[in-house]
C-alpha atoms as a PDB file:
ATOM      1  CA  UNK A   1       0.000   0.000   0.000  1.00  0.00           C
ATOM      2  CA  UNK A   2       2.742   2.488   0.957  1.00  0.00           C
ATOM      3  CA  UNK A   3       4.619   1.800  -2.288  1.00  0.00           C
ATOM      4  CA  UNK A   4       1.543   2.609  -4.365  1.00  0.00           C
ATOM      5  CA  UNK A   5       0.877   5.820  -2.444  1.00  0.00           C
ATOM      6  CA  UNK A   6       4.511   6.925  -2.645  1.00  0.00           C
ATOM      7  CA  UNK A   7       4.886   6.229  -6.344  1.00  0.00           C
ATOM      8  CA  UNK A   8       1.620   8.024  -7.109  1.00  0.00           C
ATOM      9  CA  UNK A   9       2.899  11.224  -5.494  1.00  0.00           C
ATOM     10  CA  UNK A  10       6.624  11.037  -6.275  1.00  0.00           C
ATOM     11  CA  UNK A  11       6.519  10.407 -10.003  1.00  0.00           C
ATOM     12  CA  UNK A  12       8.658   7.263  -9.835  1.00  0.00           C
ATOM     13  CA  UNK A  13       7.441   3.868 -10.962  1.00  0.00           C
ATOM     14  CA  UNK A  14       6.953   0.854  -8.711  1.00  0.00           C
ATOM     15  CA  UNK A  15       9.999  -0.750 -10.332  1.00  0.00           C
ATOM     16  CA  UNK A  16      12.114   2.322  -9.566  1.00  0.00           C
ATOM     17  CA  UNK A  17      10.799   2.350  -6.006  1.00  0.00           C
ATOM     18  CA  UNK A  18      11.816  -1.279  -5.555  1.00  0.00           C
ATOM     19  CA  UNK A  19      15.244  -0.576  -7.060  1.00  0.00           C
ATOM     20  CA  UNK A  20      16.029   2.414  -4.842  1.00  0.00           C
ATOM     21  CA  UNK A  21      14.072   1.610  -1.682  1.00  0.00           C
ATOM     22  CA  UNK A  22      13.222  -2.103  -1.737  1.00  0.00           C
ATOM     23  CA  UNK A  23      16.448  -3.333  -0.146  1.00  0.00           C
ATOM     24  CA  UNK A  24      16.547  -0.743   2.614  1.00  0.00           C
ATOM     25  CA  UNK A  25      15.382  -1.476   6.136  1.00  0.00           C
ATOM     26  CA  UNK A  26      12.272   0.367   7.277  1.00  0.00           C
ATOM     27  CA  UNK A  27      14.345   2.855   9.288  1.00  0.00           C
ATOM     28  CA  UNK A  28      16.761   3.495   6.391  1.00  0.00           C
ATOM     29  CA  UNK A  29      13.860   3.919   3.957  1.00  0.00           C
ATOM     30  CA  UNK A  30      12.147   6.305   6.366  1.00  0.00           C
ATOM     31  CA  UNK A  31      15.323   8.374   6.784  1.00  0.00           C
ATOM     32  CA  UNK A  32      15.921   8.533   3.015  1.00  0.00           C
ATOM     33  CA  UNK A  33      12.357   9.676   2.351  1.00  0.00           C
ATOM     34  CA  UNK A  34      12.553  12.214   5.186  1.00  0.00           C
ATOM     35  CA  UNK A  35      15.670  13.765   3.631  1.00  0.00           C
ATOM     36  CA  UNK A  36      14.156  13.727   0.126  1.00  0.00           C
ATOM     37  CA  UNK A  37      11.095  15.636   1.328  1.00  0.00           C
ATOM     38  CA  UNK A  38      13.322  18.413   2.655  1.00  0.00           C
ATOM     39  CA  UNK A  39      14.983  19.052  -0.669  1.00  0.00           C
ATOM     40  CA  UNK A  40      14.259  22.511  -2.008  1.00  0.00           C
ATOM     41  CA  UNK A  41      16.129  22.265  -5.274  1.00  0.00           C
ATOM     42  CA  UNK A  42      14.962  20.472  -8.374  1.00  0.00           C
ATOM     43  CA  UNK A  43      16.062  19.468 -11.831  1.00  0.00           C
ATOM     44  CA  UNK A  44      18.807  20.303 -14.228  1.00  0.00           C
ATOM     45  CA  UNK A  45      19.400  23.827 -12.907  1.00  0.00           C
ATOM     46  CA  UNK A  46      18.777  22.961  -9.247  1.00  0.00           C
ATOM     47  CA  UNK A  47      16.075  25.582  -8.905  1.00  0.00           C
ATOM     48  CA  UNK A  48      14.233  26.206  -5.675  1.00  0.00           C
ATOM     49  CA  UNK A  49      10.932  24.364  -6.146  1.00  0.00           C
ATOM     50  CA  UNK A  50       9.007  27.497  -5.189  1.00  0.00           C
ATOM     51  CA  UNK A  51      10.212  29.118  -8.438  1.00  0.00           C
ATOM     52  CA  UNK A  52       8.565  26.361 -10.499  1.00  0.00           C
ATOM     53  CA  UNK A  53       5.049  26.884  -9.098  1.00  0.00           C
ATOM     54  CA  UNK A  54       4.259  23.172  -9.342  1.00  0.00           C
ATOM     55  CA  UNK A  55       5.169  22.887 -13.040  1.00  0.00           C
ATOM     56  CA  UNK A  56       8.232  20.620 -13.177  1.00  0.00           C
ATOM     57  CA  UNK A  57       8.249  20.265 -16.958  1.00  0.00           C
ATOM     58  CA  UNK A  58      11.518  20.682 -18.837  1.00  0.00           C
ATOM     59  CA  UNK A  59      10.110  23.701 -20.662  1.00  0.00           C
ATOM     60  CA  UNK A  60       9.205  25.449 -17.406  1.00  0.00           C
ATOM     61  CA  UNK A  61      12.587  24.620 -15.855  1.00  0.00           C
ATOM     62  CA  UNK A  62      14.384  26.130 -18.863  1.00  0.00           C
ATOM     63  CA  UNK A  63      12.175  29.233 -18.882  1.00  0.00           C
ATOM     64  CA  UNK A  64      12.465  29.698 -15.117  1.00  0.00           C
ATOM     65  CA  UNK A  65      16.243  29.219 -15.147  1.00  0.00           C
ATOM     66  CA  UNK A  66      16.610  31.798 -17.934  1.00  0.00           C
ATOM     67  CA  UNK A  67      14.452  34.280 -16.023  1.00  0.00           C
ATOM     68  CA  UNK A  68      16.291  33.630 -12.743  1.00  0.00           C
ATOM     69  CA  UNK A  69      19.758  34.019 -14.262  1.00  0.00           C
ATOM     70  CA  UNK A  70      18.819  37.164 -16.184  1.00  0.00           C
ATOM     71  CA  UNK A  71      17.309  38.741 -13.072  1.00  0.00           C
ATOM     72  CA  UNK A  72      20.074  37.780 -10.663  1.00  0.00           C
ATOM     73  CA  UNK A  73      23.227  37.851 -12.798  1.00  0.00           C
ATOM     74  CA  UNK A  74      22.304  39.445 -16.097  1.00  0.00           C
ATOM     75  CA  UNK A  75      23.682  36.589 -18.201  1.00  0.00           C
ATOM     76  CA  UNK A  76      24.654  32.932 -18.118  1.00  0.00           C
ATOM     77  CA  UNK A  77      28.343  33.883 -18.368  1.00  0.00           C
ATOM     78  CA  UNK A  78      28.044  36.109 -15.318  1.00  0.00           C
ATOM     79  CA  UNK A  79      26.271  33.265 -13.493  1.00  0.00           C
ATOM     80  CA  UNK A  80      29.124  30.924 -14.436  1.00  0.00           C
ATOM     81  CA  UNK A  81      31.718  33.409 -13.138  1.00  0.00           C
ATOM     82  CA  UNK A  82      29.814  33.644  -9.861  1.00  0.00           C
ATOM     83  CA  UNK A  83      29.638  29.841  -9.623  1.00  0.00           C
ATOM     84  CA  UNK A  84      33.361  29.505 -10.284  1.00  0.00           C
ATOM     85  CA  UNK A  85      34.065  31.916  -7.440  1.00  0.00           C
ATOM     86  CA  UNK A  86      31.500  30.567  -4.937  1.00  0.00           C
ATOM     87  CA  UNK A  87      30.629  26.952  -5.977  1.00  0.00           C
ATOM     88  CA  UNK A  88      26.931  27.826  -6.285  1.00  0.00           C
ATOM     89  CA  UNK A  89      24.713  30.244  -8.136  1.00  0.00           C
END
């Protein structure tokens, strides 16, 4: 039952769930899921999920990343320079 509920809300298949969680003890599985629920960053550009407004599509991630970088740094090259200096952007 838990597997079906988790996969319905997480976007992973039952087979993926079994692969990544099936061999863990209940306490290890619980700890892994607890940590995963605290993640704020998502996808290719590691955007704060609040920026995506529930739309996790590739198109929205690209559009949001472009808007974020333009607003914060002015350009992707400036964002890269910042990352090189600070190890984040």
